[in-house]
């Protein structure tokens, strides 16, 4: 017997469960939470449990790009939510959702999108692009 999982795309999951919520964004003046609450949301996401992570490091070992899926406690409702936290020297944003599958799929899409179109300031050797995600990222769990 062969077991095959039917995986849904992010668009299908969003249609079923609703869109991701934008908590924080370096370039957006309006997000789904008031700007005055950025610090508490950022703290809760940062202190949350890391579920998955992809990292690109500089030659000295310092992370220059991190994409992370975290389980955290939403500060207003005290409910568990799942955040996709993207941080780089060129910008940052955090999205979240109450359904882990939606956030997990968004995380995987963010990791693949960064490989397909790297952030313009990210300076990497051409060799990092020849071996797929495993060579592009110093650490990743996306296949």
N, C-alpha and C. Protein backbone atom coordinates (compact mmCIF):
# COMPACT_ATOMS: atom_id res chain seq x y z
N UNK A 1 0.82 -1.17 0.00
CA UNK A 1 0.00 0.00 0.00
C UNK A 1 0.88 1.25 0.00
N UNK A 2 0.54 2.20 -0.84
CA UNK A 2 1.28 3.44 -0.93
C UNK A 2 0.41 4.56 -0.37
N UNK A 3 0.99 5.34 0.53
CA UNK A 3 0.28 6.46 1.12
C UNK A 3 0.80 7.74 0.50
N UNK A 4 -0.08 8.52 -0.09
CA UNK A 4 0.31 9.80 -0.68
C UNK A 4 -0.49 10.90 -0.01
N UNK A 5 0.20 11.93 0.45
CA UNK A 5 -0.47 13.05 1.08
C UNK A 5 -0.92 14.04 0.01
N UNK A 6 -2.12 14.52 0.16
CA UNK A 6 -2.62 15.54 -0.75
C UNK A 6 -2.29 16.90 -0.15
N UNK A 7 -1.27 17.55 -0.65
CA UNK A 7 -0.84 18.83 -0.13
C UNK A 7 -1.53 19.95 -0.89
N UNK A 8 -2.01 20.91 -0.17
CA UNK A 8 -2.69 22.05 -0.78
C UNK A 8 -1.71 23.20 -0.95
N UNK A 9 -1.97 24.01 -1.96
CA UNK A 9 -1.16 25.21 -2.16
C UNK A 9 -1.57 26.26 -1.15
N UNK A 10 -0.75 27.30 -1.04
CA UNK A 10 -1.07 28.38 -0.12
C UNK A 10 -2.39 29.05 -0.53
N UNK A 11 -2.60 29.23 -1.81
CA UNK A 11 -3.85 29.84 -2.28
C UNK A 11 -5.06 29.01 -1.85
N UNK A 12 -4.96 27.69 -1.96
CA UNK A 12 -6.07 26.82 -1.54
C UNK A 12 -6.30 26.91 -0.03
N UNK A 13 -5.21 26.91 0.73
CA UNK A 13 -5.34 27.00 2.18
C UNK A 13 -5.92 28.35 2.62
N UNK A 14 -5.49 29.42 1.95
CA UNK A 14 -6.02 30.75 2.27
C UNK A 14 -7.50 30.83 1.93
N UNK A 15 -7.89 30.24 0.80
CA UNK A 15 -9.31 30.23 0.43
C UNK A 15 -10.13 29.48 1.48
N UNK A 16 -9.56 28.45 2.06
CA UNK A 16 -10.25 27.62 3.04
C UNK A 16 -10.24 28.21 4.45
N UNK A 17 -9.09 28.80 4.85
CA UNK A 17 -8.92 29.24 6.24
C UNK A 17 -8.76 30.74 6.43
N UNK A 18 -8.70 31.50 5.36
CA UNK A 18 -8.51 32.94 5.46
C UNK A 18 -7.05 33.33 5.27
N UNK A 19 -6.80 34.61 5.00
CA UNK A 19 -5.44 35.07 4.70
C UNK A 19 -4.54 35.15 5.93
N UNK A 20 -3.26 35.21 5.64
CA UNK A 20 -2.27 35.46 6.69
C UNK A 20 -2.47 36.90 7.16
N UNK A 21 -2.13 37.15 8.39
CA UNK A 21 -2.22 38.49 8.95
C UNK A 21 -0.82 39.09 8.99
N UNK A 22 -0.67 40.33 8.54
CA UNK A 22 0.62 41.01 8.59
C UNK A 22 0.76 41.69 9.94
N UNK A 23 1.72 41.21 10.73
CA UNK A 23 1.95 41.78 12.05
C UNK A 23 2.90 42.96 11.96
N UNK A 24 4.00 42.76 11.26
CA UNK A 24 5.07 43.75 11.19
C UNK A 24 5.63 43.72 9.78
N UNK A 25 5.94 44.89 9.24
CA UNK A 25 6.57 44.96 7.92
C UNK A 25 7.41 46.22 7.85
N UNK A 26 8.65 46.08 7.41
CA UNK A 26 9.57 47.22 7.38
C UNK A 26 9.11 48.33 6.44
N UNK A 27 8.35 48.02 5.40
CA UNK A 27 8.00 49.01 4.40
C UNK A 27 6.53 49.44 4.44
N UNK A 28 5.71 48.73 5.18
CA UNK A 28 4.28 49.07 5.24
C UNK A 28 4.00 49.92 6.47
N UNK A 29 3.31 51.02 6.24
CA UNK A 29 2.94 51.87 7.38
C UNK A 29 1.70 51.34 8.07
N UNK A 30 0.87 50.60 7.34
CA UNK A 30 -0.32 50.02 7.94
C UNK A 30 -0.24 48.51 7.86
N UNK A 31 -0.46 47.88 8.99
CA UNK A 31 -0.48 46.42 9.07
C UNK A 31 -1.78 46.01 9.76
N UNK A 32 -1.92 44.73 10.02
CA UNK A 32 -3.13 44.24 10.66
C UNK A 32 -3.13 44.41 12.18
N UNK A 33 -2.04 44.90 12.72
CA UNK A 33 -1.99 45.26 14.15
C UNK A 33 -1.49 46.70 14.23
N UNK A 34 -1.93 47.43 15.23
CA UNK A 34 -1.48 48.82 15.37
C UNK A 34 0.04 48.90 15.56
N UNK A 35 0.63 49.92 14.96
CA UNK A 35 2.08 50.12 15.03
C UNK A 35 2.58 50.16 16.47
N UNK A 36 1.78 50.67 17.37
CA UNK A 36 2.17 50.75 18.78
C UNK A 36 2.29 49.39 19.45
N UNK A 37 1.79 48.34 18.79
CA UNK A 37 1.88 47.00 19.36
C UNK A 37 3.00 46.17 18.73
N UNK A 38 3.77 46.76 17.82
CA UNK A 38 4.86 46.04 17.17
C UNK A 38 5.80 45.39 18.18
N UNK A 39 6.19 46.13 19.20
CA UNK A 39 7.19 45.63 20.16
C UNK A 39 6.71 44.38 20.88
N UNK A 40 5.45 44.40 21.34
CA UNK A 40 4.96 43.24 22.09
C UNK A 40 4.77 42.04 21.16
N UNK A 41 4.29 42.27 19.93
CA UNK A 41 4.17 41.16 18.99
C UNK A 41 5.54 40.61 18.63
N UNK A 42 6.47 41.51 18.36
CA UNK A 42 7.83 41.08 18.01
C UNK A 42 8.45 40.26 19.14
N UNK A 43 8.27 40.72 20.37
CA UNK A 43 8.79 39.99 21.53
C UNK A 43 8.18 38.60 21.62
N UNK A 44 6.86 38.51 21.49
CA UNK A 44 6.20 37.21 21.62
C UNK A 44 6.61 36.24 20.52
N UNK A 45 6.72 36.75 19.30
CA UNK A 45 7.15 35.87 18.20
C UNK A 45 8.59 35.42 18.43
N UNK A 46 9.47 36.35 18.79
CA UNK A 46 10.88 36.01 19.03
C UNK A 46 11.02 35.01 20.16
N UNK A 47 10.21 35.16 21.20
CA UNK A 47 10.28 34.26 22.35
C UNK A 47 9.52 32.96 22.12
N UNK A 48 8.79 32.89 21.02
CA UNK A 48 8.01 31.70 20.73
C UNK A 48 8.87 30.50 20.39
N UNK A 49 8.23 29.37 20.26
CA UNK A 49 8.92 28.11 19.97
C UNK A 49 9.24 28.03 18.47
N UNK A 50 10.52 27.89 18.14
CA UNK A 50 10.92 27.72 16.74
C UNK A 50 10.51 26.33 16.27
N UNK A 51 9.76 26.29 15.19
CA UNK A 51 9.34 25.02 14.61
C UNK A 51 10.19 24.65 13.40
N UNK A 52 10.55 25.65 12.60
CA UNK A 52 11.38 25.43 11.41
C UNK A 52 12.19 26.70 11.17
N UNK A 53 13.34 26.53 10.51
CA UNK A 53 14.19 27.70 10.27
C UNK A 53 15.12 27.46 9.09
N UNK A 54 15.30 28.51 8.31
CA UNK A 54 16.27 28.51 7.21
C UNK A 54 17.14 29.75 7.37
N UNK A 55 18.46 29.57 7.24
CA UNK A 55 19.41 30.64 7.54
C UNK A 55 20.49 30.72 6.47
N UNK A 56 20.87 31.95 6.12
CA UNK A 56 22.05 32.20 5.30
C UNK A 56 23.01 32.99 6.18
N UNK A 57 24.25 32.55 6.25
CA UNK A 57 25.25 33.21 7.08
C UNK A 57 26.32 33.89 6.23
N UNK A 58 26.88 34.95 6.77
CA UNK A 58 28.02 35.62 6.15
C UNK A 58 29.26 34.76 6.34
N UNK A 59 30.34 35.13 5.71
CA UNK A 59 31.59 34.36 5.83
C UNK A 59 32.06 34.23 7.28
N UNK A 60 31.75 35.21 8.11
CA UNK A 60 32.18 35.14 9.51
C UNK A 60 31.20 34.36 10.40
N UNK A 61 30.14 33.79 9.80
CA UNK A 61 29.20 32.97 10.54
C UNK A 61 27.99 33.72 11.07
N UNK A 62 27.95 35.02 10.90
CA UNK A 62 26.82 35.83 11.36
C UNK A 62 25.63 35.65 10.41
N UNK A 63 24.46 35.38 10.94
CA UNK A 63 23.28 35.27 10.06
C UNK A 63 22.98 36.59 9.36
N UNK A 64 22.75 36.54 8.06
CA UNK A 64 22.37 37.72 7.29
C UNK A 64 20.96 37.59 6.74
N UNK A 65 20.39 36.39 6.86
CA UNK A 65 19.02 36.14 6.44
C UNK A 65 18.47 34.98 7.28
N UNK A 66 17.32 35.19 7.87
CA UNK A 66 16.67 34.13 8.63
C UNK A 66 15.19 34.13 8.29
N UNK A 67 14.68 32.96 7.95
CA UNK A 67 13.25 32.76 7.74
C UNK A 67 12.85 31.68 8.74
N UNK A 68 11.88 32.00 9.59
CA UNK A 68 11.57 31.13 10.72
C UNK A 68 10.06 30.94 10.85
N UNK A 69 9.66 29.73 11.16
CA UNK A 69 8.28 29.43 11.52
C UNK A 69 8.26 29.24 13.03
N UNK A 70 7.41 30.01 13.70
CA UNK A 70 7.36 29.95 15.16
C UNK A 70 5.94 29.80 15.66
N UNK A 71 5.81 29.06 16.74
CA UNK A 71 4.55 28.97 17.46
C UNK A 71 4.65 29.97 18.61
N UNK A 72 3.66 30.84 18.74
CA UNK A 72 3.75 31.86 19.78
C UNK A 72 2.37 32.14 20.36
N UNK A 73 2.36 32.85 21.47
CA UNK A 73 1.11 33.24 22.12
C UNK A 73 0.79 34.67 21.69
N UNK A 74 -0.37 34.82 21.07
CA UNK A 74 -0.81 36.13 20.60
C UNK A 74 -1.09 37.01 21.82
N UNK A 75 -0.50 38.21 21.89
CA UNK A 75 -0.58 39.00 23.12
C UNK A 75 -1.97 39.55 23.46
N UNK A 76 -2.83 39.71 22.49
CA UNK A 76 -4.15 40.28 22.77
C UNK A 76 -5.15 39.20 23.19
N UNK A 77 -5.16 38.08 22.46
CA UNK A 77 -6.14 37.03 22.73
C UNK A 77 -5.60 35.90 23.60
N UNK A 78 -4.28 35.83 23.75
CA UNK A 78 -3.59 34.77 24.50
C UNK A 78 -3.79 33.39 23.86
N UNK A 79 -4.11 33.37 22.57
CA UNK A 79 -4.26 32.11 21.84
C UNK A 79 -2.97 31.78 21.10
N UNK A 80 -2.77 30.50 20.85
CA UNK A 80 -1.61 30.06 20.09
C UNK A 80 -1.81 30.38 18.62
N UNK A 81 -0.78 30.98 18.01
CA UNK A 81 -0.78 31.28 16.58
C UNK A 81 0.57 30.88 16.02
N UNK A 82 0.68 30.90 14.70
CA UNK A 82 1.89 30.46 14.01
C UNK A 82 2.38 31.59 13.12
N UNK A 83 3.62 31.98 13.33
CA UNK A 83 4.18 33.13 12.63
C UNK A 83 5.28 32.71 11.67
N UNK A 84 5.34 33.40 10.55
CA UNK A 84 6.46 33.31 9.62
C UNK A 84 7.22 34.61 9.80
N UNK A 85 8.43 34.50 10.29
CA UNK A 85 9.25 35.66 10.64
C UNK A 85 10.43 35.71 9.67
N UNK A 86 10.51 36.78 8.89
CA UNK A 86 11.58 36.95 7.90
C UNK A 86 12.43 38.12 8.36
N UNK A 87 13.73 37.89 8.50
CA UNK A 87 14.64 38.94 8.91
C UNK A 87 15.87 38.90 8.04
N UNK A 88 16.27 40.05 7.57
CA UNK A 88 17.51 40.18 6.82
C UNK A 88 18.07 41.57 7.06
N UNK A 89 19.28 41.79 6.61
CA UNK A 89 19.87 43.12 6.73
C UNK A 89 19.12 44.13 5.86
N UNK A 90 18.41 43.64 4.87
CA UNK A 90 17.69 44.52 3.95
C UNK A 90 16.24 44.76 4.30
N UNK A 91 15.70 44.07 5.28
CA UNK A 91 14.31 44.27 5.65
C UNK A 91 13.79 43.17 6.55
N UNK A 92 12.57 43.33 7.01
CA UNK A 92 11.98 42.34 7.89
C UNK A 92 10.46 42.40 7.76
N UNK A 93 9.82 41.28 8.04
CA UNK A 93 8.36 41.21 8.11
C UNK A 93 7.95 39.99 8.91
N UNK A 94 6.77 40.05 9.47
CA UNK A 94 6.22 38.91 10.21
C UNK A 94 4.75 38.77 9.85
N UNK A 95 4.38 37.57 9.44
CA UNK A 95 2.99 37.22 9.14
C UNK A 95 2.57 36.13 10.11
N UNK A 96 1.27 36.01 10.36
CA UNK A 96 0.84 34.91 11.21
C UNK A 96 -0.53 34.40 10.79
N UNK A 97 -0.88 33.25 11.38
CA UNK A 97 -2.18 32.62 11.12
C UNK A 97 -2.50 31.71 12.29
N UNK A 98 -3.79 31.45 12.49
CA UNK A 98 -4.19 30.54 13.57
C UNK A 98 -4.06 29.08 13.17
N UNK A 99 -3.96 28.81 11.88
CA UNK A 99 -3.85 27.43 11.38
C UNK A 99 -2.39 27.17 10.98
N UNK A 100 -1.79 26.19 11.63
CA UNK A 100 -0.38 25.91 11.38
C UNK A 100 -0.10 25.57 9.92
N UNK A 101 -0.97 24.81 9.27
CA UNK A 101 -0.73 24.41 7.87
C UNK A 101 -0.61 25.63 6.96
N UNK A 102 -1.38 26.67 7.21
CA UNK A 102 -1.30 27.88 6.40
C UNK A 102 0.06 28.54 6.59
N UNK A 103 0.48 28.71 7.85
CA UNK A 103 1.76 29.35 8.14
C UNK A 103 2.92 28.50 7.64
N UNK A 104 2.81 27.20 7.79
CA UNK A 104 3.88 26.30 7.35
C UNK A 104 4.06 26.38 5.83
N UNK A 105 2.97 26.43 5.11
CA UNK A 105 3.05 26.54 3.65
C UNK A 105 3.61 27.90 3.25
N UNK A 106 3.23 28.95 3.97
CA UNK A 106 3.79 30.28 3.70
C UNK A 106 5.29 30.32 3.97
N UNK A 107 5.72 29.63 5.02
CA UNK A 107 7.15 29.53 5.34
C UNK A 107 7.90 28.87 4.18
N UNK A 108 7.40 27.74 3.71
CA UNK A 108 8.07 27.03 2.62
C UNK A 108 8.11 27.89 1.36
N UNK A 109 7.03 28.60 1.08
CA UNK A 109 7.02 29.47 -0.10
C UNK A 109 8.03 30.60 0.05
N UNK A 110 8.17 31.16 1.25
CA UNK A 110 9.15 32.23 1.48
C UNK A 110 10.58 31.72 1.29
N UNK A 111 10.85 30.52 1.76
CA UNK A 111 12.19 29.94 1.61
C UNK A 111 12.50 29.71 0.13
N UNK A 112 11.57 29.16 -0.59
CA UNK A 112 11.78 28.91 -2.03
C UNK A 112 11.86 30.21 -2.82
N UNK A 113 11.05 31.20 -2.45
CA UNK A 113 11.06 32.49 -3.15
C UNK A 113 12.40 33.20 -2.97
N UNK A 114 12.97 33.10 -1.79
CA UNK A 114 14.27 33.74 -1.55
C UNK A 114 15.35 33.10 -2.41
N UNK A 115 15.29 31.79 -2.57
CA UNK A 115 16.26 31.09 -3.43
C UNK A 115 16.04 31.49 -4.90
N UNK A 116 14.79 31.57 -5.33
CA UNK A 116 14.47 31.89 -6.73
C UNK A 116 14.85 33.33 -7.07
N UNK A 117 14.63 34.25 -6.14
CA UNK A 117 14.94 35.67 -6.36
C UNK A 117 15.57 36.23 -5.10
N UNK A 118 16.86 36.00 -4.90
CA UNK A 118 17.51 36.45 -3.66
C UNK A 118 17.40 37.96 -3.47
N UNK A 119 17.30 38.34 -2.23
CA UNK A 119 17.29 39.75 -1.87
C UNK A 119 18.50 40.42 -2.51
N UNK A 120 18.31 41.59 -3.08
CA UNK A 120 19.35 42.24 -3.90
C UNK A 120 20.66 42.50 -3.18
N UNK A 121 20.63 42.72 -1.90
CA UNK A 121 21.86 43.01 -1.16
C UNK A 121 22.61 41.74 -0.76
N UNK A 122 21.98 40.59 -0.89
CA UNK A 122 22.58 39.33 -0.47
C UNK A 122 23.67 38.94 -1.47
N UNK A 123 24.90 38.96 -1.05
CA UNK A 123 26.06 38.65 -1.90
C UNK A 123 26.54 37.23 -1.62
N UNK A 124 26.27 36.33 -2.55
CA UNK A 124 26.64 34.94 -2.38
C UNK A 124 27.44 34.47 -3.58
N UNK A 125 28.30 33.49 -3.38
CA UNK A 125 29.07 32.94 -4.49
C UNK A 125 28.14 32.19 -5.44
N UNK A 126 28.46 32.18 -6.73
CA UNK A 126 27.63 31.46 -7.70
C UNK A 126 27.46 29.97 -7.36
N UNK A 127 28.44 29.38 -6.69
CA UNK A 127 28.37 27.96 -6.32
C UNK A 127 27.18 27.67 -5.42
N UNK A 128 26.76 28.64 -4.62
CA UNK A 128 25.63 28.42 -3.71
C UNK A 128 24.32 28.18 -4.46
N UNK A 129 24.26 28.59 -5.72
CA UNK A 129 23.03 28.45 -6.49
C UNK A 129 22.99 27.15 -7.29
N UNK A 130 24.10 26.42 -7.32
CA UNK A 130 24.18 25.22 -8.15
C UNK A 130 23.63 23.97 -7.49
N UNK A 131 23.50 23.97 -6.18
CA UNK A 131 23.08 22.76 -5.47
C UNK A 131 21.70 22.85 -4.85
N UNK A 132 20.88 23.78 -5.33
CA UNK A 132 19.54 23.90 -4.79
C UNK A 132 19.52 24.53 -3.42
N UNK A 133 18.43 24.31 -2.72
CA UNK A 133 18.23 24.93 -1.41
C UNK A 133 19.29 24.51 -0.39
N UNK A 134 19.74 23.28 -0.47
CA UNK A 134 20.70 22.75 0.51
C UNK A 134 22.03 23.50 0.50
N UNK A 135 22.46 23.98 -0.66
CA UNK A 135 23.71 24.76 -0.73
C UNK A 135 23.46 26.26 -0.57
N UNK A 136 22.30 26.72 -0.99
CA UNK A 136 21.99 28.14 -0.89
C UNK A 136 21.91 28.56 0.58
N UNK A 137 21.18 27.78 1.37
CA UNK A 137 21.05 28.07 2.80
C UNK A 137 22.11 27.32 3.58
N UNK A 138 22.60 27.93 4.65
CA UNK A 138 23.52 27.23 5.55
C UNK A 138 22.76 26.24 6.41
N UNK A 139 21.50 26.52 6.66
CA UNK A 139 20.63 25.58 7.38
C UNK A 139 19.22 25.75 6.82
N UNK A 140 18.60 24.64 6.43
CA UNK A 140 17.21 24.68 5.99
C UNK A 140 16.59 23.30 6.16
N UNK A 141 15.29 23.27 6.30
CA UNK A 141 14.57 22.01 6.40
C UNK A 141 13.59 21.86 5.23
N UNK A 142 13.70 22.74 4.25
CA UNK A 142 12.84 22.68 3.09
C UNK A 142 13.56 21.90 2.00
N UNK A 143 12.89 20.92 1.45
CA UNK A 143 13.49 20.09 0.41
C UNK A 143 13.18 20.60 -0.97
